[in-house]
Full PDB file with SEQRES, HELIX, SHEET, SSBOND, CRYST1, ORIGX, SCALE, CONECT and MASTER records, all heavy atoms in Angstrom:
SEQRES   1 A   37  MET PHE PRO GLU GLN TRP ARG ILE SER ILE ARG GLY PRO          
SEQRES   2 A   37  VAL ASN SER PHE ILE GLU ALA LEU VAL ALA ASN TYR GLY          
SEQRES   3 A   37  PHE ALA PHE ARG ALA PHE ALA HIS SER VAL LEU                  
HELIX    1 AA1 GLU A    4  TRP A    6  5                                   3    
HELIX    2 AA2 ARG A   11  VAL A   36  1                                  26    
CRYST1    1.000    1.000    1.000  90.00  90.00  90.00 P 1           1          
ORIGX1      1.000000  0.000000  0.000000        0.00000                         
ORIGX2      0.000000  1.000000  0.000000        0.00000                         
ORIGX3      0.000000  0.000000  1.000000        0.00000                         
SCALE1      1.000000  0.000000  0.000000        0.00000                         
SCALE2      0.000000  1.000000  0.000000        0.00000                         
SCALE3      0.000000  0.000000  1.000000        0.00000                         
ATOM      1  N   MET A   1      40.395  35.245   9.136  1.00  0.00           N  
ATOM      2  CA  MET A   1      41.259  35.986  10.051  1.00  0.00           C  
ATOM      3  C   MET A   1      42.715  35.852   9.572  1.00  0.00           C  
ATOM      4  O   MET A   1      43.198  34.777   9.388  1.00  0.00           O  
ATOM      5  CB  MET A   1      41.089  35.353  11.440  1.00  0.00           C  
ATOM      6  CG  MET A   1      41.888  36.008  12.527  1.00  0.00           C  
ATOM      7  SD  MET A   1      41.352  37.637  12.967  1.00  0.00           S  
ATOM      8  CE  MET A   1      39.816  37.311  13.743  1.00  0.00           C  
ATOM      9  N   PHE A   2      43.389  36.975   9.563  1.00  0.00           N  
ATOM     10  CA  PHE A   2      44.814  37.055   9.129  1.00  0.00           C  
ATOM     11  C   PHE A   2      45.600  36.382  10.265  1.00  0.00           C  
ATOM     12  O   PHE A   2      45.344  36.621  11.519  1.00  0.00           O  
ATOM     13  CB  PHE A   2      45.215  38.435   8.974  1.00  0.00           C  
ATOM     14  CG  PHE A   2      46.531  38.522   8.213  1.00  0.00           C  
ATOM     15  CD1 PHE A   2      46.648  38.433   6.870  1.00  0.00           C  
ATOM     16  CD2 PHE A   2      47.754  38.687   8.982  1.00  0.00           C  
ATOM     17  CE1 PHE A   2      47.861  38.502   6.233  1.00  0.00           C  
ATOM     18  CE2 PHE A   2      48.962  38.773   8.322  1.00  0.00           C  
ATOM     19  CZ  PHE A   2      49.056  38.731   6.913  1.00  0.00           C  
ATOM     20  N   PRO A   3      46.625  35.550   9.959  1.00  0.00           N  
ATOM     21  CA  PRO A   3      47.366  34.883  10.989  1.00  0.00           C  
ATOM     22  C   PRO A   3      48.028  35.779  11.955  1.00  0.00           C  
ATOM     23  O   PRO A   3      48.695  36.727  11.586  1.00  0.00           O  
ATOM     24  CB  PRO A   3      48.479  34.079  10.180  1.00  0.00           C  
ATOM     25  CG  PRO A   3      47.819  33.894   8.782  1.00  0.00           C  
ATOM     26  CD  PRO A   3      46.957  35.097   8.596  1.00  0.00           C  
ATOM     27  N   GLU A   4      47.825  35.503  13.246  1.00  0.00           N  
ATOM     28  CA  GLU A   4      48.341  36.371  14.325  1.00  0.00           C  
ATOM     29  C   GLU A   4      49.848  36.452  14.359  1.00  0.00           C  
ATOM     30  O   GLU A   4      50.423  37.536  14.548  1.00  0.00           O  
ATOM     31  CB  GLU A   4      47.856  35.840  15.643  1.00  0.00           C  
ATOM     32  CG  GLU A   4      48.221  36.695  16.872  1.00  0.00           C  
ATOM     33  CD  GLU A   4      47.450  37.951  16.924  1.00  0.00           C  
ATOM     34  OE1 GLU A   4      46.344  38.043  16.389  1.00  0.00           O  
ATOM     35  OE2 GLU A   4      47.980  39.004  17.465  1.00  0.00           O  
ATOM     36  N   GLN A   5      50.494  35.370  14.015  1.00  0.00           N  
ATOM     37  CA  GLN A   5      51.978  35.292  14.067  1.00  0.00           C  
ATOM     38  C   GLN A   5      52.621  36.089  12.959  1.00  0.00           C  
ATOM     39  O   GLN A   5      53.822  36.401  13.000  1.00  0.00           O  
ATOM     40  CB  GLN A   5      52.475  33.796  14.049  1.00  0.00           C  
ATOM     41  CG  GLN A   5      52.175  33.067  12.763  1.00  0.00           C  
ATOM     42  CD  GLN A   5      50.799  32.324  12.895  1.00  0.00           C  
ATOM     43  OE1 GLN A   5      49.943  32.812  13.671  1.00  0.00           O  
ATOM     44  NE2 GLN A   5      50.578  31.294  12.131  1.00  0.00           N  
ATOM     45  N   TRP A   6      51.891  36.436  11.925  1.00  0.00           N  
ATOM     46  CA  TRP A   6      52.454  37.221  10.804  1.00  0.00           C  
ATOM     47  C   TRP A   6      52.283  38.734  10.998  1.00  0.00           C  
ATOM     48  O   TRP A   6      52.837  39.583  10.150  1.00  0.00           O  
ATOM     49  CB  TRP A   6      51.798  36.907   9.474  1.00  0.00           C  
ATOM     50  CG  TRP A   6      52.119  35.499   9.021  1.00  0.00           C  
ATOM     51  CD1 TRP A   6      52.909  34.567   9.639  1.00  0.00           C  
ATOM     52  CD2 TRP A   6      51.675  34.886   7.822  1.00  0.00           C  
ATOM     53  NE1 TRP A   6      52.951  33.398   8.908  1.00  0.00           N  
ATOM     54  CE2 TRP A   6      52.245  33.564   7.760  1.00  0.00           C  
ATOM     55  CE3 TRP A   6      50.819  35.269   6.769  1.00  0.00           C  
ATOM     56  CZ2 TRP A   6      52.011  32.730   6.699  1.00  0.00           C  
ATOM     57  CZ3 TRP A   6      50.609  34.478   5.749  1.00  0.00           C  
ATOM     58  CH2 TRP A   6      51.122  33.133   5.700  1.00  0.00           C  
ATOM     59  N   ARG A   7      51.630  39.169  12.045  1.00  0.00           N  
ATOM     60  CA  ARG A   7      51.405  40.576  12.204  1.00  0.00           C  
ATOM     61  C   ARG A   7      52.650  41.311  12.706  1.00  0.00           C  
ATOM     62  O   ARG A   7      53.421  40.789  13.555  1.00  0.00           O  
ATOM     63  CB  ARG A   7      50.262  40.749  13.184  1.00  0.00           C  
ATOM     64  CG  ARG A   7      48.885  40.308  12.714  1.00  0.00           C  
ATOM     65  CD  ARG A   7      47.796  40.573  13.748  1.00  0.00           C  
ATOM     66  NE  ARG A   7      46.526  39.945  13.329  1.00  0.00           N  
ATOM     67  CZ  ARG A   7      45.417  40.111  13.976  1.00  0.00           C  
ATOM     68  NH1 ARG A   7      45.397  40.778  15.144  1.00  0.00           N  
ATOM     69  NH2 ARG A   7      44.273  39.560  13.456  1.00  0.00           N  
ATOM     70  N   ILE A   8      52.822  42.472  12.153  1.00  0.00           N  
ATOM     71  CA  ILE A   8      53.992  43.318  12.557  1.00  0.00           C  
ATOM     72  C   ILE A   8      53.479  44.661  12.979  1.00  0.00           C  
ATOM     73  O   ILE A   8      52.648  45.310  12.222  1.00  0.00           O  
ATOM     74  CB  ILE A   8      55.002  43.456  11.372  1.00  0.00           C  
ATOM     75  CG1 ILE A   8      55.567  42.100  11.046  1.00  0.00           C  
ATOM     76  CG2 ILE A   8      56.196  44.411  11.794  1.00  0.00           C  
ATOM     77  CD1 ILE A   8      56.521  42.161   9.849  1.00  0.00           C  
ATOM     78  N   SER A   9      53.832  45.257  14.101  1.00  0.00           N  
ATOM     79  CA  SER A   9      53.404  46.577  14.499  1.00  0.00           C  
ATOM     80  C   SER A   9      54.536  47.525  14.516  1.00  0.00           C  
ATOM     81  O   SER A   9      55.574  47.205  15.012  1.00  0.00           O  
ATOM     82  CB  SER A   9      52.801  46.489  15.948  1.00  0.00           C  
ATOM     83  OG  SER A   9      52.493  47.826  16.418  1.00  0.00           O  
ATOM     84  N   ILE A  10      54.365  48.688  13.901  1.00  0.00           N  
ATOM     85  CA  ILE A  10      55.360  49.743  13.852  1.00  0.00           C  
ATOM     86  C   ILE A  10      55.053  50.782  14.976  1.00  0.00           C  
ATOM     87  O   ILE A  10      55.892  51.661  15.094  1.00  0.00           O  
ATOM     88  CB  ILE A  10      55.432  50.417  12.494  1.00  0.00           C  
ATOM     89  CG1 ILE A  10      54.201  51.191  12.260  1.00  0.00           C  
ATOM     90  CG2 ILE A  10      55.756  49.438  11.417  1.00  0.00           C  
ATOM     91  CD1 ILE A  10      54.243  52.109  11.023  1.00  0.00           C  
ATOM     92  N   ARG A  11      54.041  50.530  15.720  1.00  0.00           N  
ATOM     93  CA  ARG A  11      53.641  51.517  16.733  1.00  0.00           C  
ATOM     94  C   ARG A  11      54.712  51.709  17.768  1.00  0.00           C  
ATOM     95  O   ARG A  11      55.092  52.831  18.119  1.00  0.00           O  
ATOM     96  CB  ARG A  11      52.350  51.138  17.402  1.00  0.00           C  
ATOM     97  CG  ARG A  11      51.803  52.131  18.404  1.00  0.00           C  
ATOM     98  CD  ARG A  11      50.463  51.623  18.977  1.00  0.00           C  
ATOM     99  NE  ARG A  11      50.559  50.349  19.602  1.00  0.00           N  
ATOM    100  CZ  ARG A  11      49.533  49.623  20.010  1.00  0.00           C  
ATOM    101  NH1 ARG A  11      48.285  50.076  19.895  1.00  0.00           N  
ATOM    102  NH2 ARG A  11      49.692  48.482  20.628  1.00  0.00           N  
ATOM    103  N   GLY A  12      55.192  50.662  18.318  1.00  0.00           N  
ATOM    104  CA  GLY A  12      56.250  50.718  19.334  1.00  0.00           C  
ATOM    105  C   GLY A  12      57.469  51.406  18.966  1.00  0.00           C  
ATOM    106  O   GLY A  12      57.915  52.413  19.595  1.00  0.00           O  
ATOM    107  N   PRO A  13      58.175  50.980  17.813  1.00  0.00           N  
ATOM    108  CA  PRO A  13      59.341  51.676  17.414  1.00  0.00           C  
ATOM    109  C   PRO A  13      59.093  53.211  17.019  1.00  0.00           C  
ATOM    110  O   PRO A  13      59.995  53.995  17.415  1.00  0.00           O  
ATOM    111  CB  PRO A  13      59.723  50.905  16.148  1.00  0.00           C  
ATOM    112  CG  PRO A  13      59.175  49.596  16.260  1.00  0.00           C  
ATOM    113  CD  PRO A  13      57.953  49.767  17.072  1.00  0.00           C  
ATOM    114  N   VAL A  14      58.077  53.489  16.457  1.00  0.00           N  
ATOM    115  CA  VAL A  14      57.782  54.920  16.081  1.00  0.00           C  
ATOM    116  C   VAL A  14      57.620  55.736  17.376  1.00  0.00           C  
ATOM    117  O   VAL A  14      58.146  56.781  17.526  1.00  0.00           O  
ATOM    118  CB  VAL A  14      56.515  54.992  15.247  1.00  0.00           C  
ATOM    119  CG1 VAL A  14      56.116  56.442  15.140  1.00  0.00           C  
ATOM    120  CG2 VAL A  14      56.773  54.442  13.848  1.00  0.00           C  
ATOM    121  N   ASN A  15      56.793  55.201  18.319  1.00  0.00           N  
ATOM    122  CA  ASN A  15      56.622  55.956  19.564  1.00  0.00           C  
ATOM    123  C   ASN A  15      57.972  56.112  20.339  1.00  0.00           C  
ATOM    124  O   ASN A  15      58.237  57.138  20.982  1.00  0.00           O  
ATOM    125  CB  ASN A  15      55.589  55.260  20.527  1.00  0.00           C  
ATOM    126  CG  ASN A  15      54.214  55.344  19.920  1.00  0.00           C  
ATOM    127  OD1 ASN A  15      53.909  56.169  19.111  1.00  0.00           O  
ATOM    128  ND2 ASN A  15      53.268  54.376  20.316  1.00  0.00           N  
ATOM    129  N   SER A  16      58.756  55.045  20.332  1.00  0.00           N  
ATOM    130  CA  SER A  16      60.045  55.108  21.050  1.00  0.00           C  
ATOM    131  C   SER A  16      60.943  56.159  20.452  1.00  0.00           C  
ATOM    132  O   SER A  16      61.683  56.904  21.070  1.00  0.00           O  
ATOM    133  CB  SER A  16      60.761  53.756  21.002  1.00  0.00           C  
ATOM    134  OG  SER A  16      59.920  52.760  21.689  1.00  0.00           O  
ATOM    135  N   PHE A  17      60.929  56.266  18.988  1.00  0.00           N  
ATOM    136  CA  PHE A  17      61.747  57.258  18.392  1.00  0.00           C  
ATOM    137  C   PHE A  17      61.357  58.637  18.707  1.00  0.00           C  
ATOM    138  O   PHE A  17      62.120  59.480  18.948  1.00  0.00           O  
ATOM    139  CB  PHE A  17      61.627  56.910  16.813  1.00  0.00           C  
ATOM    140  CG  PHE A  17      62.345  57.953  15.991  1.00  0.00           C  
ATOM    141  CD1 PHE A  17      63.691  57.979  15.982  1.00  0.00           C  
ATOM    142  CD2 PHE A  17      61.553  58.919  15.243  1.00  0.00           C  
ATOM    143  CE1 PHE A  17      64.323  58.929  15.159  1.00  0.00           C  
ATOM    144  CE2 PHE A  17      62.219  59.812  14.455  1.00  0.00           C  
ATOM    145  CZ  PHE A  17      63.626  59.842  14.412  1.00  0.00           C  
ATOM    146  N   ILE A  18      60.011  58.904  18.687  1.00  0.00           N  
ATOM    147  CA  ILE A  18      59.558  60.233  19.020  1.00  0.00           C  
ATOM    148  C   ILE A  18      59.876  60.569  20.422  1.00  0.00           C  
ATOM    149  O   ILE A  18      60.288  61.675  20.748  1.00  0.00           O  
ATOM    150  CB  ILE A  18      58.003  60.284  18.740  1.00  0.00           C  
ATOM    151  CG1 ILE A  18      57.684  60.067  17.249  1.00  0.00           C  
ATOM    152  CG2 ILE A  18      57.456  61.661  19.239  1.00  0.00           C  
ATOM    153  CD1 ILE A  18      58.230  61.161  16.349  1.00  0.00           C  
ATOM    154  N   GLU A  19      59.666  59.622  21.335  1.00  0.00           N  
ATOM    155  CA  GLU A  19      59.969  59.901  22.760  1.00  0.00           C  
ATOM    156  C   GLU A  19      61.507  60.120  22.944  1.00  0.00           C  
ATOM    157  O   GLU A  19      61.853  61.069  23.809  1.00  0.00           O  
ATOM    158  CB  GLU A  19      59.590  58.737  23.612  1.00  0.00           C  
ATOM    159  CG  GLU A  19      58.010  58.593  23.770  1.00  0.00           C  
ATOM    160  CD  GLU A  19      57.620  57.265  24.358  1.00  0.00           C  
ATOM    161  OE1 GLU A  19      58.549  56.470  24.768  1.00  0.00           O  
ATOM    162  OE2 GLU A  19      56.438  56.947  24.502  1.00  0.00           O  
ATOM    163  N   ALA A  20      62.328  59.448  22.189  1.00  0.00           N  
ATOM    164  CA  ALA A  20      63.795  59.745  22.306  1.00  0.00           C  
ATOM    165  C   ALA A  20      64.133  61.141  21.786  1.00  0.00           C  
ATOM    166  O   ALA A  20      64.969  61.800  22.375  1.00  0.00           O  
ATOM    167  CB  ALA A  20      64.527  58.671  21.506  1.00  0.00           C  
ATOM    168  N   LEU A  21      63.429  61.605  20.728  1.00  0.00           N  
ATOM    169  CA  LEU A  21      63.688  62.857  20.206  1.00  0.00           C  
ATOM    170  C   LEU A  21      63.275  63.923  21.204  1.00  0.00           C  
ATOM    171  O   LEU A  21      64.014  64.875  21.420  1.00  0.00           O  
ATOM    172  CB  LEU A  21      62.812  63.084  18.896  1.00  0.00           C  
ATOM    173  CG  LEU A  21      63.337  62.508  17.611  1.00  0.00           C  
ATOM    174  CD1 LEU A  21      62.366  62.818  16.404  1.00  0.00           C  
ATOM    175  CD2 LEU A  21      64.737  63.055  17.208  1.00  0.00           C  
ATOM    176  N   VAL A  22      62.144  63.748  21.787  1.00  0.00           N  
ATOM    177  CA  VAL A  22      61.644  64.714  22.836  1.00  0.00           C  
ATOM    178  C   VAL A  22      62.637  64.771  23.981  1.00  0.00           C  
ATOM    179  O   VAL A  22      62.986  65.850  24.475  1.00  0.00           O  
ATOM    180  CB  VAL A  22      60.255  64.389  23.281  1.00  0.00           C  
ATOM    181  CG1 VAL A  22      59.810  65.238  24.431  1.00  0.00           C  
ATOM    182  CG2 VAL A  22      59.263  64.468  22.106  1.00  0.00           C  
ATOM    183  N   ALA A  23      63.075  63.588  24.485  1.00  0.00           N  
ATOM    184  CA  ALA A  23      63.918  63.566  25.546  1.00  0.00           C  
ATOM    185  C   ALA A  23      65.321  64.095  25.365  1.00  0.00           C  
ATOM    186  O   ALA A  23      65.926  64.782  26.209  1.00  0.00           O  
ATOM    187  CB  ALA A  23      64.038  62.101  26.097  1.00  0.00           C  
ATOM    188  N   ASN A  24      65.923  63.798  24.198  1.00  0.00           N  
ATOM    189  CA  ASN A  24      67.259  64.196  23.940  1.00  0.00           C  
ATOM    190  C   ASN A  24      67.460  65.558  23.217  1.00  0.00           C  
ATOM    191  O   ASN A  24      68.479  66.208  23.370  1.00  0.00           O  
ATOM    192  CB  ASN A  24      67.958  63.122  23.054  1.00  0.00           C  
ATOM    193  CG  ASN A  24      68.021  61.797  23.744  1.00  0.00           C  
ATOM    194  OD1 ASN A  24      68.238  61.673  24.932  1.00  0.00           O  
ATOM    195  ND2 ASN A  24      67.830  60.673  22.972  1.00  0.00           N  
ATOM    196  N   TYR A  25      66.413  65.941  22.426  1.00  0.00           N  
ATOM    197  CA  TYR A  25      66.614  67.178  21.661  1.00  0.00           C  
ATOM    198  C   TYR A  25      65.385  68.100  21.877  1.00  0.00           C  
ATOM    199  O   TYR A  25      65.137  68.957  21.029  1.00  0.00           O  
ATOM    200  CB  TYR A  25      66.660  66.837  20.185  1.00  0.00           C  
ATOM    201  CG  TYR A  25      67.867  65.968  19.789  1.00  0.00           C  
ATOM    202  CD1 TYR A  25      67.553  64.554  19.619  1.00  0.00           C  
ATOM    203  CD2 TYR A  25      69.113  66.410  19.746  1.00  0.00           C  
ATOM    204  CE1 TYR A  25      68.592  63.705  19.294  1.00  0.00           C  
ATOM    205  CE2 TYR A  25      70.165  65.516  19.420  1.00  0.00           C  
ATOM    206  CZ  TYR A  25      69.921  64.174  19.259  1.00  0.00           C  
ATOM    207  OH  TYR A  25      70.964  63.308  18.928  1.00  0.00           O  
ATOM    208  N   GLY A  26      64.717  67.944  23.075  1.00  0.00           N  
ATOM    209  CA  GLY A  26      63.580  68.837  23.331  1.00  0.00           C  
ATOM    210  C   GLY A  26      63.998  70.331  23.377  1.00  0.00           C  
ATOM    211  O   GLY A  26      63.246  71.156  22.861  1.00  0.00           O  
ATOM    212  N   PHE A  27      65.244  70.655  23.810  1.00  0.00           N  
ATOM    213  CA  PHE A  27      65.598  72.030  23.905  1.00  0.00           C  
ATOM    214  C   PHE A  27      65.781  72.641  22.475  1.00  0.00           C  
ATOM    215  O   PHE A  27      65.350  73.812  22.271  1.00  0.00           O  
ATOM    216  CB  PHE A  27      66.949  72.083  24.648  1.00  0.00           C  
ATOM    217  CG  PHE A  27      68.073  71.460  23.899  1.00  0.00           C  
ATOM    218  CD1 PHE A  27      68.874  72.145  23.034  1.00  0.00           C  
ATOM    219  CD2 PHE A  27      68.366  70.092  24.045  1.00  0.00           C  
ATOM    220  CE1 PHE A  27      69.976  71.553  22.392  1.00  0.00           C  
ATOM    221  CE2 PHE A  27      69.335  69.433  23.362  1.00  0.00           C  
ATOM    222  CZ  PHE A  27      70.197  70.144  22.525  1.00  0.00           C  
ATOM    223  N   ALA A  28      66.214  71.806  21.568  1.00  0.00           N  
ATOM    224  CA  ALA A  28      66.347  72.358  20.212  1.00  0.00           C  
ATOM    225  C   ALA A  28      64.902  72.574  19.526  1.00  0.00           C  
ATOM    226  O   ALA A  28      64.767  73.552  18.851  1.00  0.00           O  
ATOM    227  CB  ALA A  28      67.115  71.285  19.332  1.00  0.00           C  
ATOM    228  N   PHE A  29      64.059  71.674  19.777  1.00  0.00           N  
ATOM    229  CA  PHE A  29      62.730  71.818  19.244  1.00  0.00           C  
ATOM    230  C   PHE A  29      62.005  73.058  19.896  1.00  0.00           C  
ATOM    231  O   PHE A  29      61.284  73.753  19.190  1.00  0.00           O  
ATOM    232  CB  PHE A  29      61.874  70.584  19.555  1.00  0.00           C  
ATOM    233  CG  PHE A  29      62.251  69.394  18.633  1.00  0.00           C  
ATOM    234  CD1 PHE A  29      62.782  68.302  19.185  1.00  0.00           C  
ATOM    235  CD2 PHE A  29      62.067  69.515  17.310  1.00  0.00           C  
ATOM    236  CE1 PHE A  29      63.130  67.146  18.385  1.00  0.00           C  
ATOM    237  CE2 PHE A  29      62.389  68.364  16.409  1.00  0.00           C  
ATOM    238  CZ  PHE A  29      63.043  67.282  16.989  1.00  0.00           C  
ATOM    239  N   ARG A  30      62.232  73.272  21.146  1.00  0.00           N  
ATOM    240  CA  ARG A  30      61.692  74.403  21.818  1.00  0.00           C  
ATOM    241  C   ARG A  30      62.251  75.745  21.240  1.00  0.00           C  
ATOM    242  O   ARG A  30      61.514  76.769  21.041  1.00  0.00           O  
ATOM    243  CB  ARG A  30      61.914  74.316  23.341  1.00  0.00           C  
ATOM    244  CG  ARG A  30      60.999  73.396  23.999  1.00  0.00           C  
ATOM    245  CD  ARG A  30      61.050  73.534  25.549  1.00  0.00           C  
ATOM    246  NE  ARG A  30      62.376  73.156  26.079  1.00  0.00           N  
ATOM    247  CZ  ARG A  30      62.758  71.937  26.440  1.00  0.00           C  
ATOM    248  NH1 ARG A  30      61.873  70.899  26.287  1.00  0.00           N  
ATOM    249  NH2 ARG A  30      63.995  71.764  26.926  1.00  0.00           N  
ATOM    250  N   ALA A  31      63.604  75.763  21.024  1.00  0.00           N  
ATOM    251  CA  ALA A  31      64.167  76.930  20.463  1.00  0.00           C  
ATOM    252  C   ALA A  31      63.653  77.205  19.026  1.00  0.00           C  
ATOM    253  O   ALA A  31      63.327  78.364  18.663  1.00  0.00           O  
ATOM    254  CB  ALA A  31      65.687  76.802  20.370  1.00  0.00           C  
ATOM    255  N   PHE A  32      63.538  76.158  18.191  1.00  0.00           N  
ATOM    256  CA  PHE A  32      62.971  76.276  16.868  1.00  0.00           C  
ATOM    257  C   PHE A  32      61.520  76.792  16.924  1.00  0.00           C  
ATOM    258  O   PHE A  32      61.083  77.683  16.175  1.00  0.00           O  
ATOM    259  CB  PHE A  32      63.032  74.980  16.181  1.00  0.00           C  
ATOM    260  CG  PHE A  32      62.401  74.933  14.813  1.00  0.00           C  
ATOM    261  CD1 PHE A  32      62.994  75.534  13.706  1.00  0.00           C  
ATOM    262  CD2 PHE A  32      61.152  74.329  14.574  1.00  0.00           C  
ATOM    263  CE1 PHE A  32      62.466  75.577  12.430  1.00  0.00           C  
ATOM    264  CE2 PHE A  32      60.577  74.315  13.330  1.00  0.00           C  
ATOM    265  CZ  PHE A  32      61.211  75.007  12.324  1.00  0.00           C  
ATOM    266  N   ALA A  33      60.721  76.197  17.782  1.00  0.00           N  
ATOM    267  CA  ALA A  33      59.294  76.598  17.920  1.00  0.00           C  
ATOM    268  C   ALA A  33      59.210  78.065  18.342  1.00  0.00           C  
ATOM    269  O   ALA A  33      58.340  78.757  17.871  1.00  0.00           O  
ATOM    270  CB  ALA A  33      58.687  75.720  18.927  1.00  0.00           C  
ATOM    271  N   HIS A  34      60.156  78.478  19.280  1.00  0.00           N  
ATOM    272  CA  HIS A  34      60.087  79.915  19.659  1.00  0.00           C  
ATOM    273  C   HIS A  34      60.310  80.849  18.486  1.00  0.00           C  
ATOM    274  O   HIS A  34      59.655  81.904  18.321  1.00  0.00           O  
ATOM    275  CB  HIS A  34      61.165  80.157  20.771  1.00  0.00           C  
ATOM    276  CG  HIS A  34      61.172  81.552  21.269  1.00  0.00           C  
ATOM    277  ND1 HIS A  34      60.186  82.121  22.044  1.00  0.00           N  
ATOM    278  CD2 HIS A  34      62.125  82.532  21.036  1.00  0.00           C  
ATOM    279  CE1 HIS A  34      60.473  83.352  22.306  1.00  0.00           C  
ATOM    280  NE2 HIS A  34      61.609  83.661  21.672  1.00  0.00           N  
ATOM    281  N   SER A  35      61.277  80.514  17.639  1.00  0.00           N  
ATOM    282  CA  SER A  35      61.629  81.351  16.488  1.00  0.00           C  
ATOM    283  C   SER A  35      60.432  81.380  15.485  1.00  0.00           C  
ATOM    284  O   SER A  35      60.057  82.490  14.978  1.00  0.00           O  
ATOM    285  CB  SER A  35      62.862  80.791  15.729  1.00  0.00           C  
ATOM    286  OG  SER A  35      63.895  80.713  16.651  1.00  0.00           O  
ATOM    287  N   VAL A  36      59.851  80.204  15.214  1.00  0.00           N  
ATOM    288  CA  VAL A  36      58.680  80.150  14.338  1.00  0.00           C  
ATOM    289  C   VAL A  36      57.559  80.989  14.920  1.00  0.00           C  
ATOM    290  O   VAL A  36      56.914  81.750  14.192  1.00  0.00           O  
ATOM    291  CB  VAL A  36      58.294  78.726  14.001  1.00  0.00           C  
ATOM    292  CG1 VAL A  36      56.995  78.722  13.173  1.00  0.00           C  
ATOM    293  CG2 VAL A  36      59.422  78.024  13.271  1.00  0.00           C  
ATOM    294  N   LEU A  37      57.304  80.853  16.180  1.00  0.00           N  
ATOM    295  CA  LEU A  37      56.176  81.555  16.816  1.00  0.00           C  
ATOM    296  C   LEU A  37      56.358  83.081  16.726  1.00  0.00           C  
ATOM    297  O   LEU A  37      55.479  83.771  16.524  1.00  0.00           O  
ATOM    298  CB  LEU A  37      56.119  81.079  18.328  1.00  0.00           C  
ATOM    299  CG  LEU A  37      54.951  81.717  19.073  1.00  0.00           C  
ATOM    300  CD1 LEU A  37      53.674  81.384  18.490  1.00  0.00           C  
ATOM    301  CD2 LEU A  37      54.984  81.249  20.580  1.00  0.00           C  
TER     302      LEU A  37                                                      
MASTER        0    0    0    2    0    0    0    6  301    1    0    3          
END                                                                             
């Protein structure tokens, strides 16, 4: 069993980054998506 104290998870920071993008720049992504569509 790999030592528990050595484990590092990137799940939290990545999810927080994506959520921040959606919250702060969602309008820009929607405008871009509309153009592509």
